Every structure is written in C-alpha cells, then in structure tokens.
Amino acid sequence: MKMKDNIFSQQKLAEMKFLIIFLFLLFSPVLFSKFILAENSYMVAQSKKISIGCTPTPPDALGPFYKPKAPIRNSVGKGYELRGRVMSSRDCSPIPQARIELWMAGPDGEYKDAYRATVISDESGEYRFESHIAPSYLNRPPHIHMRIAADGFKTLITQHYPESGSSSGEFDLVLIYHRK
C-alpha cells in the first residue's frame, strides 16, 4: 500500500507542477504588465517625494520604433495640433530649450521617417506640434510617442493619447529635476 501511496503522491506532485507552470504561462502577460505599471507607479511616487510643486508626467513605453536624431520641425502633417508646456517638478517653472522628440504611425499605421520630428520648447517652456490624426493599429489606441530631454532634468519617455474626434490637444510635460 505504501508504494501505491508514493506513486499517487508523485503523480499529484507532477500534476501540481504542471498546473503551476500552465497558470504562470497563462497569466505571465498580466503579471508582467502589472509589474511595469507598479514600476511606473513607484517612479512617480519617488518623484513626488522630491517634487515641491508639480507632479511629474508619468512615463510610458518607448516602443520599438524610436530612432534618435529626428529632424527639427514642428509639423509632419495636417489635422491635429498638440500644444503644451515643459515644466520643472521642483517648482513648476518653465524649461526653455527642452528637446522634444516625437514619432508616430502614419495614416497607414506604418512608422516612417516622415512622421518623426524634434521640437524645441521656447523661453516660456511652450511647444507646438502639428500632425495628421494619429491612427490606431494592432489594438493600440491612437498615440504619439515623446522623448523629452533638458539639461538638469531626467529624460522622460511618455506618450500622448489624443481624445477621439479631437483636432487638438494639450499635454504639459513635467520633468524631474536632477542634480548633477
């Protein structure tokens, strides 16, 4: 009887291992996305500790289509205008000369150099970018990728999600002050 119980226990153990591996594989995308959200939440929480004035803009995914050195221009099409200010989390002061790289899918859903730009914020920290209306593709909502860099601040990677049916949007960018 003892041999039969041992075989039964080993079979149950094997079934449990299989079930655990199956559940892990089934839910790993969910767990991974929650980890990324938790990491982003942690970053925002940490930035709030050093922020006196403005809450930093939450980071978002870089995505696979980023290419450095986008040409300096404030338009890659017509139909949508994005405006905003670049500010310091330390005291909400404007950040002039911030380098804002933008890239997005074209109307056909493809990422091309024609839909990449670099905009520099003015002395008031304001920026303006004009494009076609961002398309949705592969179950992603319409979005514009952004990478913002300025001396004395941590580089921010985020995305702007235009409101459905809107031809314009406002998106202020608050960077985390970083001592050198």
N, C-alpha and C. Protein backbone atom coordinates (compact mmCIF):
# COMPACT_ATOMS: atom_id res chain seq x y z
N MET A 1 0.81 -1.19 0.00
CA MET A 1 0.00 0.00 0.00
C MET A 1 0.86 1.26 0.00
N LYS A 2 1.99 1.21 0.69
CA LYS A 2 2.88 2.36 0.79
C LYS A 2 3.43 2.74 -0.59
N MET A 3 3.79 1.75 -1.42
CA MET A 3 4.31 2.01 -2.77
C MET A 3 3.25 2.70 -3.61
N LYS A 4 1.99 2.28 -3.50
CA LYS A 4 0.89 2.86 -4.25
C LYS A 4 0.68 4.32 -3.81
N ASP A 5 0.74 4.59 -2.51
CA ASP A 5 0.58 5.96 -2.00
C ASP A 5 1.71 6.85 -2.51
N ASN A 6 2.92 6.31 -2.57
CA ASN A 6 4.07 7.08 -3.04
C ASN A 6 3.90 7.45 -4.51
N ILE A 7 3.47 6.50 -5.34
CA ILE A 7 3.23 6.75 -6.76
C ILE A 7 2.11 7.77 -6.91
N PHE A 8 1.06 7.63 -6.11
CA PHE A 8 -0.06 8.57 -6.15
C PHE A 8 0.42 9.98 -5.78
N SER A 9 1.27 10.09 -4.77
CA SER A 9 1.80 11.38 -4.34
C SER A 9 2.67 12.00 -5.42
N GLN A 10 3.49 11.18 -6.07
CA GLN A 10 4.35 11.69 -7.13
C GLN A 10 3.51 12.18 -8.31
N GLN A 11 2.45 11.46 -8.62
CA GLN A 11 1.57 11.85 -9.72
C GLN A 11 0.89 13.18 -9.37
N LYS A 12 0.41 13.32 -8.15
CA LYS A 12 -0.23 14.56 -7.71
C LYS A 12 0.76 15.72 -7.76
N LEU A 13 1.98 15.45 -7.35
CA LEU A 13 3.02 16.48 -7.37
C LEU A 13 3.29 16.91 -8.81
N ALA A 14 3.38 15.96 -9.72
CA ALA A 14 3.61 16.28 -11.13
C ALA A 14 2.44 17.09 -11.69
N GLU A 15 1.23 16.72 -11.33
CA GLU A 15 0.05 17.46 -11.78
C GLU A 15 0.07 18.89 -11.23
N MET A 16 0.45 19.05 -10.00
CA MET A 16 0.52 20.38 -9.39
C MET A 16 1.58 21.24 -10.09
N LYS A 17 2.75 20.65 -10.38
CA LYS A 17 3.81 21.38 -11.09
C LYS A 17 3.31 21.82 -12.46
N PHE A 18 2.65 20.91 -13.16
CA PHE A 18 2.12 21.23 -14.48
C PHE A 18 1.11 22.37 -14.37
N LEU A 19 0.23 22.31 -13.40
CA LEU A 19 -0.78 23.34 -13.20
C LEU A 19 -0.14 24.69 -12.89
N ILE A 20 0.87 24.70 -12.06
CA ILE A 20 1.56 25.95 -11.71
C ILE A 20 2.23 26.54 -12.94
N ILE A 21 2.92 25.71 -13.71
CA ILE A 21 3.58 26.21 -14.93
C ILE A 21 2.54 26.72 -15.92
N PHE A 22 1.46 25.97 -16.09
CA PHE A 22 0.40 26.38 -17.00
C PHE A 22 -0.18 27.73 -16.58
N LEU A 23 -0.49 27.89 -15.31
CA LEU A 23 -1.06 29.14 -14.81
C LEU A 23 -0.06 30.29 -14.95
N PHE A 24 1.21 30.01 -14.68
CA PHE A 24 2.23 31.04 -14.83
C PHE A 24 2.28 31.52 -16.29
N LEU A 25 2.32 30.58 -17.23
CA LEU A 25 2.37 30.95 -18.65
C LEU A 25 1.10 31.67 -19.08
N LEU A 26 -0.01 31.25 -18.55
CA LEU A 26 -1.29 31.87 -18.89
C LEU A 26 -1.37 33.30 -18.39
N PHE A 27 -0.91 33.53 -17.17
CA PHE A 27 -1.05 34.85 -16.57
C PHE A 27 0.22 35.70 -16.60
N SER A 28 1.31 35.20 -17.17
CA SER A 28 2.55 35.99 -17.16
C SER A 28 2.41 37.32 -17.88
N PRO A 29 1.67 37.42 -19.03
CA PRO A 29 1.50 38.75 -19.63
C PRO A 29 0.80 39.72 -18.68
N VAL A 30 -0.19 39.24 -17.95
CA VAL A 30 -0.90 40.09 -16.99
C VAL A 30 0.04 40.48 -15.85
N LEU A 31 0.78 39.51 -15.33
CA LEU A 31 1.71 39.79 -14.24
C LEU A 31 2.79 40.75 -14.69
N PHE A 32 3.30 40.56 -15.91
CA PHE A 32 4.35 41.43 -16.41
C PHE A 32 3.84 42.85 -16.57
N SER A 33 2.63 43.01 -17.14
CA SER A 33 2.09 44.36 -17.31
C SER A 33 1.85 45.02 -15.96
N LYS A 34 1.41 44.24 -14.96
CA LYS A 34 1.21 44.80 -13.63
C LYS A 34 2.55 45.20 -13.01
N PHE A 35 3.61 44.44 -13.30
CA PHE A 35 4.94 44.79 -12.80
C PHE A 35 5.38 46.12 -13.40
N ILE A 36 5.17 46.29 -14.73
CA ILE A 36 5.55 47.54 -15.39
C ILE A 36 4.75 48.69 -14.80
N LEU A 37 3.44 48.50 -14.60
CA LEU A 37 2.62 49.56 -14.00
C LEU A 37 3.09 49.86 -12.59
N ALA A 38 3.43 48.82 -11.84
CA ALA A 38 3.91 49.03 -10.47
C ALA A 38 5.23 49.79 -10.49
N GLU A 39 6.11 49.43 -11.44
CA GLU A 39 7.39 50.13 -11.53
C GLU A 39 7.16 51.60 -11.89
N ASN A 40 6.27 51.87 -12.86
CA ASN A 40 5.97 53.26 -13.21
C ASN A 40 5.36 54.00 -12.03
N SER A 41 4.46 53.35 -11.29
CA SER A 41 3.85 53.96 -10.12
C SER A 41 4.90 54.28 -9.07
N TYR A 42 5.85 53.36 -8.91
CA TYR A 42 6.94 53.59 -7.96
C TYR A 42 7.76 54.80 -8.37
N MET A 43 8.06 54.90 -9.68
CA MET A 43 8.83 56.04 -10.17
C MET A 43 8.10 57.34 -9.92
N VAL A 44 6.80 57.35 -10.17
CA VAL A 44 6.01 58.55 -9.93
C VAL A 44 5.99 58.87 -8.44
N ALA A 45 5.81 57.84 -7.60
CA ALA A 45 5.80 58.07 -6.15
C ALA A 45 7.13 58.62 -5.67
N GLN A 46 8.23 58.08 -6.19
CA GLN A 46 9.55 58.58 -5.81
C GLN A 46 9.73 60.02 -6.26
N SER A 47 9.22 60.32 -7.46
CA SER A 47 9.38 61.68 -7.96
C SER A 47 8.56 62.66 -7.15
N LYS A 48 7.43 62.22 -6.61
CA LYS A 48 6.61 63.10 -5.78
C LYS A 48 7.33 63.46 -4.49
N LYS A 49 8.17 62.57 -4.00
CA LYS A 49 8.92 62.84 -2.78
C LYS A 49 9.86 64.03 -2.96
N ILE A 50 10.40 64.19 -4.18
CA ILE A 50 11.32 65.29 -4.41
C ILE A 50 10.64 66.47 -5.07
N SER A 51 9.35 66.35 -5.35
CA SER A 51 8.61 67.41 -6.00
C SER A 51 7.98 68.33 -4.97
N ILE A 52 8.18 69.62 -5.15
CA ILE A 52 7.56 70.59 -4.27
C ILE A 52 6.31 71.14 -4.95
N GLY A 53 6.39 71.31 -6.27
CA GLY A 53 5.31 71.98 -6.97
C GLY A 53 4.48 71.09 -7.86
N CYS A 54 5.03 70.67 -8.95
CA CYS A 54 4.26 69.95 -9.98
C CYS A 54 4.51 68.45 -9.92
N THR A 55 3.47 67.70 -10.16
CA THR A 55 3.59 66.25 -10.23
C THR A 55 4.20 65.88 -11.58
N PRO A 56 5.27 65.10 -11.59
CA PRO A 56 5.90 64.72 -12.86
C PRO A 56 4.96 63.96 -13.78
N THR A 57 5.18 64.13 -15.05
CA THR A 57 4.41 63.40 -16.06
C THR A 57 4.77 61.92 -15.94
N PRO A 58 3.77 61.05 -15.89
CA PRO A 58 4.08 59.61 -15.79
C PRO A 58 4.80 59.12 -17.05
N PRO A 59 5.77 58.25 -16.87
CA PRO A 59 6.45 57.67 -18.03
C PRO A 59 5.55 56.67 -18.73
N ASP A 60 5.89 56.37 -19.98
CA ASP A 60 5.15 55.38 -20.76
C ASP A 60 6.18 54.66 -21.64
N ALA A 61 5.72 53.70 -22.39
CA ALA A 61 6.62 52.84 -23.17
C ALA A 61 7.31 53.60 -24.30
N LEU A 62 8.59 53.29 -24.49
CA LEU A 62 9.36 53.84 -25.60
C LEU A 62 8.84 53.28 -26.92
N GLY A 63 8.49 52.02 -26.93
CA GLY A 63 8.04 51.38 -28.16
C GLY A 63 9.23 50.95 -29.01
N PRO A 64 9.00 50.10 -29.98
CA PRO A 64 10.11 49.55 -30.77
C PRO A 64 10.55 50.43 -31.94
N PHE A 65 9.88 51.56 -32.19
CA PHE A 65 10.16 52.32 -33.40
C PHE A 65 10.92 53.63 -33.18
N TYR A 66 11.47 53.82 -31.98
CA TYR A 66 12.24 55.04 -31.72
C TYR A 66 13.53 55.04 -32.52
N LYS A 67 13.83 56.18 -33.14
CA LYS A 67 15.10 56.40 -33.82
C LYS A 67 15.60 57.77 -33.38
N PRO A 68 16.83 57.86 -32.87
CA PRO A 68 17.35 59.16 -32.45
C PRO A 68 17.58 60.10 -33.63
N LYS A 69 17.76 61.36 -33.31
CA LYS A 69 18.10 62.40 -34.28
C LYS A 69 16.98 62.67 -35.28
N ALA A 70 15.76 62.78 -34.79
CA ALA A 70 14.65 63.18 -35.66
C ALA A 70 14.90 64.62 -36.11
N PRO A 71 14.50 64.96 -37.32
CA PRO A 71 14.74 66.32 -37.81
C PRO A 71 13.98 67.37 -36.99
N ILE A 72 14.58 68.55 -36.88
CA ILE A 72 13.93 69.63 -36.16
C ILE A 72 12.87 70.24 -37.08
N ARG A 73 11.62 70.09 -36.67
CA ARG A 73 10.47 70.63 -37.40
C ARG A 73 9.26 70.51 -36.48
N ASN A 74 8.28 71.37 -36.68
CA ASN A 74 7.11 71.31 -35.81
C ASN A 74 5.87 70.79 -36.52
N SER A 75 6.05 70.23 -37.72
CA SER A 75 4.91 69.69 -38.44
C SER A 75 5.32 68.48 -39.27
N VAL A 76 4.45 67.45 -39.21
CA VAL A 76 4.63 66.26 -40.06
C VAL A 76 3.32 65.93 -40.77
N GLY A 77 2.39 66.88 -40.78
CA GLY A 77 1.11 66.67 -41.42
C GLY A 77 0.10 67.72 -40.98
N LYS A 78 -1.14 67.52 -41.35
CA LYS A 78 -2.22 68.46 -41.02
C LYS A 78 -3.39 67.68 -40.42
N GLY A 79 -4.11 68.35 -39.50
CA GLY A 79 -5.31 67.74 -38.95
C GLY A 79 -5.33 67.65 -37.44
N TYR A 80 -4.16 67.67 -36.79
CA TYR A 80 -4.10 67.59 -35.33
C TYR A 80 -2.98 68.49 -34.83
N GLU A 81 -3.29 69.29 -33.81
CA GLU A 81 -2.29 70.16 -33.21
C GLU A 81 -2.14 69.83 -31.73
N LEU A 82 -0.91 69.59 -31.32
CA LEU A 82 -0.58 69.29 -29.92
C LEU A 82 0.22 70.46 -29.37
N ARG A 83 -0.21 70.99 -28.24
CA ARG A 83 0.47 72.10 -27.57
C ARG A 83 0.68 71.75 -26.11
N GLY A 84 1.62 72.43 -25.49
CA GLY A 84 1.82 72.25 -24.06
C GLY A 84 3.01 73.04 -23.57
N ARG A 85 3.33 72.85 -22.30
CA ARG A 85 4.48 73.49 -21.68
C ARG A 85 5.36 72.41 -21.06
N VAL A 86 6.65 72.66 -21.06
CA VAL A 86 7.61 71.79 -20.39
C VAL A 86 7.98 72.52 -19.10
N MET A 87 7.79 71.82 -17.96
CA MET A 87 8.00 72.47 -16.66
C MET A 87 8.82 71.58 -15.73
N SER A 88 9.35 72.22 -14.70
CA SER A 88 10.14 71.53 -13.68
C SER A 88 9.24 71.01 -12.57
N SER A 89 9.50 69.78 -12.12
CA SER A 89 8.75 69.23 -10.98
C SER A 89 9.13 69.95 -9.69
N ARG A 90 10.26 70.56 -9.70
CA ARG A 90 10.78 71.20 -8.48
C ARG A 90 9.92 72.40 -8.07
N ASP A 91 9.58 73.26 -9.05
CA ASP A 91 8.85 74.48 -8.71
C ASP A 91 7.88 74.92 -9.80
N CYS A 92 7.60 74.05 -10.75
CA CYS A 92 6.67 74.32 -11.86
C CYS A 92 7.17 75.41 -12.81
N SER A 93 8.43 75.77 -12.72
CA SER A 93 8.97 76.79 -13.62
C SER A 93 9.12 76.23 -15.02
N PRO A 94 9.01 77.08 -16.04
CA PRO A 94 9.16 76.61 -17.42
C PRO A 94 10.59 76.14 -17.69
N ILE A 95 10.71 75.20 -18.59
CA ILE A 95 12.02 74.71 -19.01
C ILE A 95 12.21 75.09 -20.47
N PRO A 96 12.98 76.16 -20.71
CA PRO A 96 13.25 76.53 -22.11
C PRO A 96 14.27 75.59 -22.72
N GLN A 97 14.24 75.51 -24.03
CA GLN A 97 15.21 74.72 -24.81
C GLN A 97 15.15 73.22 -24.52
N ALA A 98 14.02 72.73 -24.04
CA ALA A 98 13.86 71.28 -23.87
C ALA A 98 13.73 70.67 -25.27
N ARG A 99 14.35 69.53 -25.45
CA ARG A 99 14.33 68.83 -26.74
C ARG A 99 13.23 67.77 -26.69
N ILE A 100 12.20 67.93 -27.50
CA ILE A 100 11.05 67.03 -27.52
C ILE A 100 11.06 66.26 -28.84
N GLU A 101 11.37 64.98 -28.75
CA GLU A 101 11.34 64.13 -29.94
C GLU A 101 9.97 63.47 -30.00
N LEU A 102 9.36 63.50 -31.18
CA LEU A 102 8.03 62.91 -31.37
C LEU A 102 8.08 61.95 -32.55
N TRP A 103 7.38 60.84 -32.43
CA TRP A 103 7.27 59.90 -33.54
C TRP A 103 5.93 59.19 -33.43
N MET A 104 5.39 58.87 -34.59
CA MET A 104 4.05 58.29 -34.62
C MET A 104 3.87 57.48 -35.90
N ALA A 105 2.83 56.69 -35.91
CA ALA A 105 2.48 55.94 -37.11
C ALA A 105 1.82 56.88 -38.10
N GLY A 106 2.05 56.60 -39.38
CA GLY A 106 1.40 57.37 -40.42
C GLY A 106 -0.06 56.96 -40.55
N PRO A 107 -0.80 57.62 -41.42
CA PRO A 107 -2.22 57.26 -41.62
C PRO A 107 -2.41 55.79 -41.98
N ASP A 108 -1.38 55.16 -42.56
CA ASP A 108 -1.46 53.74 -42.94
C ASP A 108 -1.07 52.80 -41.81
N GLY A 109 -0.73 53.37 -40.63
CA GLY A 109 -0.35 52.54 -39.48
C GLY A 109 1.12 52.17 -39.46
N GLU A 110 1.91 52.66 -40.42
CA GLU A 110 3.34 52.35 -40.51
C GLU A 110 4.15 53.51 -39.91
N TYR A 111 5.24 53.16 -39.21
CA TYR A 111 6.18 54.16 -38.70
C TYR A 111 7.21 54.45 -39.79
N LYS A 112 7.33 55.73 -40.15
CA LYS A 112 8.28 56.14 -41.18
C LYS A 112 8.96 57.43 -40.74
N ASP A 113 10.12 57.73 -41.34
CA ASP A 113 10.85 58.94 -41.00
C ASP A 113 10.02 60.20 -41.24
N ALA A 114 9.08 60.14 -42.16
CA ALA A 114 8.24 61.31 -42.47
C ALA A 114 7.37 61.71 -41.27
N TYR A 115 7.20 60.82 -40.30
CA TYR A 115 6.34 61.09 -39.14
C TYR A 115 7.16 61.21 -37.85
N ARG A 116 8.40 61.67 -38.00
CA ARG A 116 9.29 61.90 -36.85
C ARG A 116 9.67 63.37 -36.84
N ALA A 117 9.79 63.95 -35.64
CA ALA A 117 10.16 65.36 -35.54
C ALA A 117 10.81 65.62 -34.19
N THR A 118 11.57 66.71 -34.13
CA THR A 118 12.10 67.23 -32.88
C THR A 118 11.64 68.67 -32.77
N VAL A 119 11.05 69.00 -31.62
CA VAL A 119 10.57 70.35 -31.35
C VAL A 119 11.34 70.85 -30.13
N ILE A 120 11.72 72.12 -30.13
CA ILE A 120 12.44 72.72 -29.01
C ILE A 120 11.49 73.69 -28.31
N SER A 121 11.37 73.55 -26.98
CA SER A 121 10.48 74.46 -26.24
C SER A 121 11.05 75.87 -26.25
N ASP A 122 10.15 76.86 -26.25
CA ASP A 122 10.60 78.26 -26.28
C ASP A 122 10.96 78.74 -24.87
N GLU A 123 11.21 80.04 -24.72
CA GLU A 123 11.64 80.59 -23.43
C GLU A 123 10.59 80.43 -22.34
N SER A 124 9.32 80.28 -22.73
CA SER A 124 8.24 80.05 -21.76
C SER A 124 7.99 78.58 -21.51
N GLY A 125 8.83 77.72 -22.12
CA GLY A 125 8.67 76.28 -21.98
C GLY A 125 7.59 75.72 -22.89
N GLU A 126 7.00 76.56 -23.74
CA GLU A 126 5.88 76.11 -24.60
C GLU A 126 6.40 75.42 -25.85
N TYR A 127 5.59 74.48 -26.33
CA TYR A 127 5.91 73.79 -27.58
C TYR A 127 4.62 73.61 -28.38
N ARG A 128 4.78 73.37 -29.67
CA ARG A 128 3.65 73.14 -30.58
C ARG A 128 4.09 72.13 -31.63
N PHE A 129 3.21 71.17 -31.93
CA PHE A 129 3.49 70.13 -32.92
C PHE A 129 2.22 69.87 -33.71
N GLU A 130 2.35 69.82 -35.03
CA GLU A 130 1.21 69.57 -35.89
C GLU A 130 1.43 68.28 -36.68
N SER A 131 0.35 67.48 -36.79
CA SER A 131 0.45 66.21 -37.49
C SER A 131 -0.92 65.82 -38.04
N HIS A 132 -0.96 64.69 -38.71
CA HIS A 132 -2.23 64.08 -39.06
C HIS A 132 -2.84 63.50 -37.77
N ILE A 133 -4.07 63.09 -37.84
CA ILE A 133 -4.68 62.46 -36.66
C ILE A 133 -4.06 61.07 -36.50
N ALA A 134 -3.56 60.81 -35.31
CA ALA A 134 -2.88 59.54 -35.05
C ALA A 134 -3.83 58.37 -35.25
N PRO A 135 -3.40 57.34 -35.99
CA PRO A 135 -4.26 56.18 -36.20
C PRO A 135 -4.14 55.17 -35.06
N SER A 136 -5.14 54.33 -34.95
CA SER A 136 -4.99 53.19 -34.05
C SER A 136 -4.53 52.01 -34.92
N TYR A 137 -3.81 51.10 -34.33
CA TYR A 137 -3.34 49.93 -35.06
C TYR A 137 -3.04 48.83 -34.06
N LEU A 138 -3.17 47.59 -34.47
CA LEU A 138 -2.89 46.42 -33.64
C LEU A 138 -3.48 46.55 -32.24
N ASN A 139 -4.72 46.96 -32.15
CA ASN A 139 -5.44 47.12 -30.87
C ASN A 139 -4.84 48.18 -29.96
N ARG A 140 -4.01 49.06 -30.48
CA ARG A 140 -3.47 50.17 -29.70
C ARG A 140 -4.34 51.40 -29.96
N PRO A 141 -4.59 52.19 -28.93
CA PRO A 141 -5.32 53.44 -29.17
C PRO A 141 -4.43 54.42 -29.92
N PRO A 142 -5.00 55.41 -30.58
CA PRO A 142 -4.17 56.43 -31.23
C PRO A 142 -3.21 57.05 -30.21
N HIS A 143 -1.96 57.27 -30.62
CA HIS A 143 -0.97 57.82 -29.69
C HIS A 143 0.19 58.44 -30.44
N ILE A 144 0.88 59.34 -29.73
CA ILE A 144 2.09 59.98 -30.24
C ILE A 144 3.17 59.73 -29.19
N HIS A 145 4.27 59.12 -29.61
CA HIS A 145 5.40 58.87 -28.70
C HIS A 145 6.18 60.15 -28.49
N MET A 146 6.73 60.31 -27.27
CA MET A 146 7.51 61.51 -26.96
C MET A 146 8.70 61.15 -26.07
N ARG A 147 9.82 61.80 -26.37
CA ARG A 147 11.03 61.67 -25.53
C ARG A 147 11.51 63.08 -25.27
N ILE A 148 11.55 63.49 -24.01
CA ILE A 148 11.86 64.86 -23.65
C ILE A 148 13.15 64.90 -22.84
N ALA A 149 14.09 65.72 -23.28
CA ALA A 149 15.38 65.84 -22.60
C ALA A 149 15.70 67.33 -22.39
N ALA A 150 16.25 67.64 -21.22
CA ALA A 150 16.68 69.00 -20.91
C ALA A 150 17.80 68.93 -19.89
N ASP A 151 18.74 69.85 -20.00
CA ASP A 151 19.86 69.88 -19.05
C ASP A 151 19.34 70.05 -17.63
N GLY A 152 19.87 69.22 -16.72
CA GLY A 152 19.50 69.30 -15.31
C GLY A 152 18.25 68.51 -14.95
N PHE A 153 17.70 67.75 -15.91
CA PHE A 153 16.47 67.00 -15.66
C PHE A 153 16.61 65.58 -16.19
N LYS A 154 15.87 64.66 -15.56
CA LYS A 154 15.85 63.29 -16.05
C LYS A 154 15.08 63.25 -17.38
N THR A 155 15.57 62.47 -18.32
CA THR A 155 14.89 62.31 -19.60
C THR A 155 13.57 61.58 -19.36
N LEU A 156 12.52 62.08 -19.99
CA LEU A 156 11.18 61.50 -19.86
C LEU A 156 10.79 60.84 -21.17
N ILE A 157 10.29 59.62 -21.08
CA ILE A 157 9.70 58.94 -22.23
C ILE A 157 8.24 58.73 -21.89
N THR A 158 7.36 59.23 -22.74
CA THR A 158 5.93 59.14 -22.47
C THR A 158 5.18 59.07 -23.80
N GLN A 159 3.85 59.07 -23.72
CA GLN A 159 3.01 59.07 -24.91
C GLN A 159 1.82 59.98 -24.68
N HIS A 160 1.38 60.62 -25.75
CA HIS A 160 0.16 61.43 -25.72
C HIS A 160 -0.93 60.64 -26.43
N TYR A 161 -2.09 60.55 -25.78
CA TYR A 161 -3.23 59.83 -26.34
C TYR A 161 -4.32 60.84 -26.70
N PRO A 162 -4.44 61.20 -27.98
CA PRO A 162 -5.45 62.18 -28.37
C PRO A 162 -6.86 61.70 -28.05
N GLU A 163 -7.73 62.66 -27.69
CA GLU A 163 -9.14 62.32 -27.46
C GLU A 163 -9.79 62.03 -28.80
N SER A 164 -10.65 61.04 -28.82
CA SER A 164 -11.35 60.64 -30.03
C SER A 164 -12.13 61.82 -30.62
N GLY A 165 -11.97 62.05 -31.92
CA GLY A 165 -12.71 63.10 -32.61
C GLY A 165 -12.14 64.50 -32.44
N SER A 166 -11.07 64.65 -31.69
CA SER A 166 -10.50 65.97 -31.43
C SER A 166 -9.44 66.31 -32.48
N SER A 167 -9.37 67.59 -32.83
CA SER A 167 -8.35 68.04 -33.78
C SER A 167 -7.20 68.76 -33.07
N SER A 168 -7.27 68.83 -31.74
CA SER A 168 -6.19 69.46 -30.99
C SER A 168 -6.13 68.86 -29.59
N GLY A 169 -4.96 69.03 -28.97
CA GLY A 169 -4.78 68.53 -27.61
C GLY A 169 -3.75 69.36 -26.88
N GLU A 170 -3.83 69.32 -25.56
CA GLU A 170 -2.84 70.00 -24.73
C GLU A 170 -2.23 68.96 -23.81
N PHE A 171 -0.90 68.96 -23.75
CA PHE A 171 -0.19 67.97 -22.95
C PHE A 171 1.03 68.64 -22.33
N ASP A 172 0.91 69.02 -21.06
CA ASP A 172 2.04 69.60 -20.35
C ASP A 172 2.98 68.48 -19.91
N LEU A 173 4.25 68.77 -19.97
CA LEU A 173 5.28 67.79 -19.65
C LEU A 173 6.07 68.29 -18.44
N VAL A 174 6.02 67.54 -17.35
CA VAL A 174 6.71 67.94 -16.13
C VAL A 174 7.87 66.98 -15.91
N LEU A 175 9.09 67.55 -15.96
CA LEU A 175 10.30 66.75 -15.83
C LEU A 175 10.82 66.77 -14.40
N ILE A 176 11.46 65.70 -14.01
CA ILE A 176 12.03 65.56 -12.68
C ILE A 176 13.39 66.23 -12.64
N TYR A 177 13.54 67.18 -11.72
CA TYR A 177 14.80 67.87 -11.53
C TYR A 177 15.86 66.85 -11.10
N HIS A 178 17.03 66.98 -11.66
CA HIS A 178 18.11 66.02 -11.38
C HIS A 178 19.40 66.79 -11.16
N ARG A 179 19.90 66.74 -9.93
CA ARG A 179 21.17 67.41 -9.64
C ARG A 179 22.30 66.70 -10.33
N LYS A 180 23.24 67.45 -10.79
CA LYS A 180 24.39 66.85 -11.47
C LYS A 180 25.49 66.53 -10.52
